[in-house]
Amino acid sequence: MSLHATELLLEAVERDMWREPPAELLDALRTVYLQTEGDIEGRGEDASAG
């Protein structure tokens, strides 16, 4: 799943557009989002340090 799709699903939950997502799926989406954001930030730091 892409980062954009993950963001859209999490936003749908926040806006009550997806009222009852399965808890396990919601946790997985949040984990993927945080890991991906960390990877992206890490790449930026590596590029600026190099």
PDB file of N, CA and C in Angstrom:
ATOM      1  N   MET A   1       0.853  -1.176   0.000  1.00  0.00           N
ATOM      2  CA  MET A   1       0.000   0.000   0.000  1.00  0.00           C
ATOM      3  C   MET A   1       0.898   1.239   0.000  1.00  0.00           C
ATOM      4  N   SER A   2       0.491   2.214  -0.743  1.00  0.00           N
ATOM      5  CA  SER A   2       1.287   3.435  -0.829  1.00  0.00           C
ATOM      6  C   SER A   2       1.062   4.325   0.393  1.00  0.00           C
ATOM      7  N   LEU A   3       2.002   5.221   0.602  1.00  0.00           N
ATOM      8  CA  LEU A   3       1.875   6.178   1.699  1.00  0.00           C
ATOM      9  C   LEU A   3       0.634   7.035   1.508  1.00  0.00           C
ATOM     10  N   HIS A   4       0.358   7.436   0.285  1.00  0.00           N
ATOM     11  CA  HIS A   4      -0.807   8.286   0.017  1.00  0.00           C
ATOM     12  C   HIS A   4      -2.108   7.560   0.377  1.00  0.00           C
ATOM     13  N   ALA A   5      -2.220   6.305   0.002  1.00  0.00           N
ATOM     14  CA  ALA A   5      -3.419   5.532   0.323  1.00  0.00           C
ATOM     15  C   ALA A   5      -3.572   5.389   1.828  1.00  0.00           C
ATOM     16  N   THR A   6      -2.472   5.164   2.515  1.00  0.00           N
ATOM     17  CA  THR A   6      -2.500   5.045   3.976  1.00  0.00           C
ATOM     18  C   THR A   6      -2.979   6.351   4.596  1.00  0.00           C
ATOM     19  N   GLU A   7      -2.447   7.467   4.105  1.00  0.00           N
ATOM     20  CA  GLU A   7      -2.871   8.780   4.610  1.00  0.00           C
ATOM     21  C   GLU A   7      -4.368   9.001   4.401  1.00  0.00           C
ATOM     22  N   LEU A   8      -4.866   8.629   3.227  1.00  0.00           N
ATOM     23  CA  LEU A   8      -6.288   8.821   2.929  1.00  0.00           C
ATOM     24  C   LEU A   8      -7.173   7.993   3.861  1.00  0.00           C
ATOM     25  N   LEU A   9      -6.782   6.764   4.119  1.00  0.00           N
ATOM     26  CA  LEU A   9      -7.571   5.916   5.014  1.00  0.00           C
ATOM     27  C   LEU A   9      -7.561   6.454   6.438  1.00  0.00           C
ATOM     28  N   LEU A  10      -6.403   6.889   6.913  1.00  0.00           N
ATOM     29  CA  LEU A  10      -6.331   7.452   8.265  1.00  0.00           C
ATOM     30  C   LEU A  10      -7.134   8.752   8.357  1.00  0.00           C
ATOM     31  N   GLU A  11      -7.101   9.545   7.302  1.00  0.00           N
ATOM     32  CA  GLU A  11      -7.889  10.777   7.288  1.00  0.00           C
ATOM     33  C   GLU A  11      -9.384  10.467   7.299  1.00  0.00           C
ATOM     34  N   ALA A  12      -9.788   9.429   6.595  1.00  0.00           N
ATOM     35  CA  ALA A  12     -11.193   9.028   6.585  1.00  0.00           C
ATOM     36  C   ALA A  12     -11.663   8.663   7.991  1.00  0.00           C
ATOM     37  N   VAL A  13     -10.797   8.011   8.756  1.00  0.00           N
ATOM     38  CA  VAL A  13     -11.145   7.661  10.136  1.00  0.00           C
ATOM     39  C   VAL A  13     -11.299   8.935  10.965  1.00  0.00           C
ATOM     40  N   GLU A  14     -10.357   9.857  10.826  1.00  0.00           N
ATOM     41  CA  GLU A  14     -10.396  11.098  11.596  1.00  0.00           C
ATOM     42  C   GLU A  14     -11.640  11.923  11.280  1.00  0.00           C
ATOM     43  N   ARG A  15     -12.109  11.864  10.047  1.00  0.00           N
ATOM     44  CA  ARG A  15     -13.269  12.659   9.630  1.00  0.00           C
ATOM     45  C   ARG A  15     -14.587  11.889   9.795  1.00  0.00           C
ATOM     46  N   ASP A  16     -14.516  10.736  10.432  1.00  0.00           N
ATOM     47  CA  ASP A  16     -15.695   9.876  10.626  1.00  0.00           C
ATOM     48  C   ASP A  16     -16.338   9.446   9.307  1.00  0.00           C
ATOM     49  N   MET A  17     -15.525   9.348   8.278  1.00  0.00           N
ATOM     50  CA  MET A  17     -16.019   8.847   6.999  1.00  0.00           C
ATOM     51  C   MET A  17     -15.914   7.314   6.966  1.00  0.00           C
ATOM     52  N   TRP A  18     -15.071   6.762   7.809  1.00  0.00           N
ATOM     53  CA  TRP A  18     -14.914   5.319   7.957  1.00  0.00           C
ATOM     54  C   TRP A  18     -15.139   5.081   9.435  1.00  0.00           C
ATOM     55  N   ARG A  19     -16.343   4.817   9.802  1.00  0.00           N
ATOM     56  CA  ARG A  19     -16.771   4.853  11.191  1.00  0.00           C
ATOM     57  C   ARG A  19     -16.195   3.761  12.074  1.00  0.00           C
ATOM     58  N   GLU A  20     -16.108   2.552  11.582  1.00  0.00           N
ATOM     59  CA  GLU A  20     -15.648   1.468  12.444  1.00  0.00           C
ATOM     60  C   GLU A  20     -14.633   0.573  11.744  1.00  0.00           C
ATOM     61  N   PRO A  21     -13.443   1.108  11.508  1.00  0.00           N
ATOM     62  CA  PRO A  21     -12.430   0.239  10.897  1.00  0.00           C
ATOM     63  C   PRO A  21     -12.002  -0.821  11.905  1.00  0.00           C
ATOM     64  N   PRO A  22     -11.654  -2.008  11.442  1.00  0.00           N
ATOM     65  CA  PRO A  22     -11.153  -3.027  12.365  1.00  0.00           C
ATOM     66  C   PRO A  22      -9.922  -2.493  13.106  1.00  0.00           C
ATOM     67  N   ALA A  23      -9.886  -2.714  14.411  1.00  0.00           N
ATOM     68  CA  ALA A  23      -8.801  -2.183  15.245  1.00  0.00           C
ATOM     69  C   ALA A  23      -7.435  -2.655  14.760  1.00  0.00           C
ATOM     70  N   GLU A  24      -7.334  -3.919  14.376  1.00  0.00           N
ATOM     71  CA  GLU A  24      -6.043  -4.444  13.905  1.00  0.00           C
ATOM     72  C   GLU A  24      -5.599  -3.741  12.630  1.00  0.00           C
ATOM     73  N   LEU A  25      -6.540  -3.486  11.736  1.00  0.00           N
ATOM     74  CA  LEU A  25      -6.206  -2.798  10.487  1.00  0.00           C
ATOM     75  C   LEU A  25      -5.785  -1.368  10.760  1.00  0.00           C
ATOM     76  N   LEU A  26      -6.489  -0.695  11.639  1.00  0.00           N
ATOM     77  CA  LEU A  26      -6.147   0.685  11.989  1.00  0.00           C
ATOM     78  C   LEU A  26      -4.758   0.761  12.609  1.00  0.00           C
ATOM     79  N   ASP A  27      -4.445  -0.171  13.498  1.00  0.00           N
ATOM     80  CA  ASP A  27      -3.099  -0.225  14.090  1.00  0.00           C
ATOM     81  C   ASP A  27      -2.046  -0.468  13.019  1.00  0.00           C
ATOM     82  N   ALA A  28      -2.343  -1.361  12.083  1.00  0.00           N
ATOM     83  CA  ALA A  28      -1.386  -1.657  11.007  1.00  0.00           C
ATOM     84  C   ALA A  28      -1.175  -0.433  10.118  1.00  0.00           C
ATOM     85  N   LEU A  29      -2.246   0.282   9.806  1.00  0.00           N
ATOM     86  CA  LEU A  29      -2.122   1.495   8.989  1.00  0.00           C
ATOM     87  C   LEU A  29      -1.259   2.541   9.685  1.00  0.00           C
ATOM     88  N   ARG A  30      -1.495   2.732  10.970  1.00  0.00           N
ATOM     89  CA  ARG A  30      -0.695   3.705  11.720  1.00  0.00           C
ATOM     90  C   ARG A  30       0.775   3.291  11.759  1.00  0.00           C
ATOM     91  N   THR A  31       1.023   2.008  11.945  1.00  0.00           N
ATOM     92  CA  THR A  31       2.410   1.512  11.985  1.00  0.00           C
ATOM     93  C   THR A  31       3.100   1.741  10.652  1.00  0.00           C
ATOM     94  N   VAL A  32       2.419   1.388   9.562  1.00  0.00           N
ATOM     95  CA  VAL A  32       2.996   1.588   8.222  1.00  0.00           C
ATOM     96  C   VAL A  32       3.275   3.068   7.982  1.00  0.00           C
ATOM     97  N   TYR A  33       2.330   3.913   8.354  1.00  0.00           N
ATOM     98  CA  TYR A  33       2.494   5.351   8.150  1.00  0.00           C
ATOM     99  C   TYR A  33       3.715   5.875   8.913  1.00  0.00           C
ATOM    100  N   LEU A  34       3.811   5.523  10.185  1.00  0.00           N
ATOM    101  CA  LEU A  34       4.931   6.016  11.000  1.00  0.00           C
ATOM    102  C   LEU A  34       6.270   5.480  10.508  1.00  0.00           C
ATOM    103  N   GLN A  35       6.309   4.215  10.122  1.00  0.00           N
ATOM    104  CA  GLN A  35       7.556   3.639   9.613  1.00  0.00           C
ATOM    105  C   GLN A  35       7.972   4.308   8.307  1.00  0.00           C
ATOM    106  N   THR A  36       7.009   4.533   7.435  1.00  0.00           N
ATOM    107  CA  THR A  36       7.317   5.150   6.143  1.00  0.00           C
ATOM    108  C   THR A  36       7.782   6.584   6.322  1.00  0.00           C
ATOM    109  N   GLU A  37       7.094   7.324   7.191  1.00  0.00           N
ATOM    110  CA  GLU A  37       7.518   8.699   7.473  1.00  0.00           C
ATOM    111  C   GLU A  37       8.940   8.714   8.033  1.00  0.00           C
ATOM    112  N   GLY A  38       9.241   7.793   8.920  1.00  0.00           N
ATOM    113  CA  GLY A  38      10.589   7.701   9.489  1.00  0.00           C
ATOM    114  C   GLY A  38      11.628   7.390   8.425  1.00  0.00           C
ATOM    115  N   ASP A  39      11.282   6.484   7.503  1.00  0.00           N
ATOM    116  CA  ASP A  39      12.200   6.138   6.414  1.00  0.00           C
ATOM    117  C   ASP A  39      12.460   7.354   5.529  1.00  0.00           C
ATOM    118  N   ILE A  40      11.405   8.093   5.224  1.00  0.00           N
ATOM    119  CA  ILE A  40      11.547   9.283   4.370  1.00  0.00           C
ATOM    120  C   ILE A  40      12.408  10.336   5.062  1.00  0.00           C
ATOM    121  N   GLU A  41      12.148  10.574   6.338  1.00  0.00           N
ATOM    122  CA  GLU A  41      12.951  11.551   7.084  1.00  0.00           C
ATOM    123  C   GLU A  41      14.390  11.096   7.181  1.00  0.00           C
ATOM    124  N   GLY A  42      14.596   9.800   7.360  1.00  0.00           N
ATOM    125  CA  GLY A  42      15.950   9.261   7.451  1.00  0.00           C
ATOM    126  C   GLY A  42      16.713   9.472   6.168  1.00  0.00           C
ATOM    127  N   ARG A  43      16.048   9.311   5.044  1.00  0.00           N
ATOM    128  CA  ARG A  43      16.698   9.546   3.738  1.00  0.00           C
ATOM    129  C   ARG A  43      17.102  11.003   3.592  1.00  0.00           C
ATOM    130  N   GLY A  44      16.243  11.904   4.057  1.00  0.00           N
ATOM    131  CA  GLY A  44      16.563  13.328   3.977  1.00  0.00           C
ATOM    132  C   GLY A  44      17.766  13.676   4.815  1.00  0.00           C
ATOM    133  N   GLU A  45      17.852  13.072   5.996  1.00  0.00           N
ATOM    134  CA  GLU A  45      18.997  13.329   6.877  1.00  0.00           C
ATOM    135  C   GLU A  45      20.275  12.753   6.276  1.00  0.00           C
ATOM    136  N   ASP A  46      20.177  11.573   5.655  1.00  0.00           N
ATOM    137  CA  ASP A  46      21.344  10.963   5.027  1.00  0.00           C
ATOM    138  C   ASP A  46      21.854  11.828   3.884  1.00  0.00           C
ATOM    139  N   ALA A  47      20.944  12.394   3.104  1.00  0.00           N
ATOM    140  CA  ALA A  47      21.331  13.208   1.949  1.00  0.00           C
ATOM    141  C   ALA A  47      21.994  14.501   2.398  1.00  0.00           C
ATOM    142  N   SER A  48      21.488  15.092   3.483  1.00  0.00           N
ATOM    143  CA  SER A  48      22.073  16.348   3.937  1.00  0.00           C
ATOM    144  C   SER A  48      23.395  16.131   4.659  1.00  0.00           C
ATOM    145  N   ALA A  49      23.601  14.934   5.196  1.00  0.00           N
ATOM    146  CA  ALA A  49      24.855  14.638   5.904  1.00  0.00           C
ATOM    147  C   ALA A  49      25.959  14.280   4.938  1.00  0.00           C
ATOM    148  N   GLY A  50      25.562  13.801   3.730  1.00  0.00           N
ATOM    149  CA  GLY A  50      26.535  13.287   2.770  1.00  0.00           C
ATOM    150  C   GLY A  50      27.209  14.351   2.044  1.00  0.00           C
TER     151      GLY A  50
END
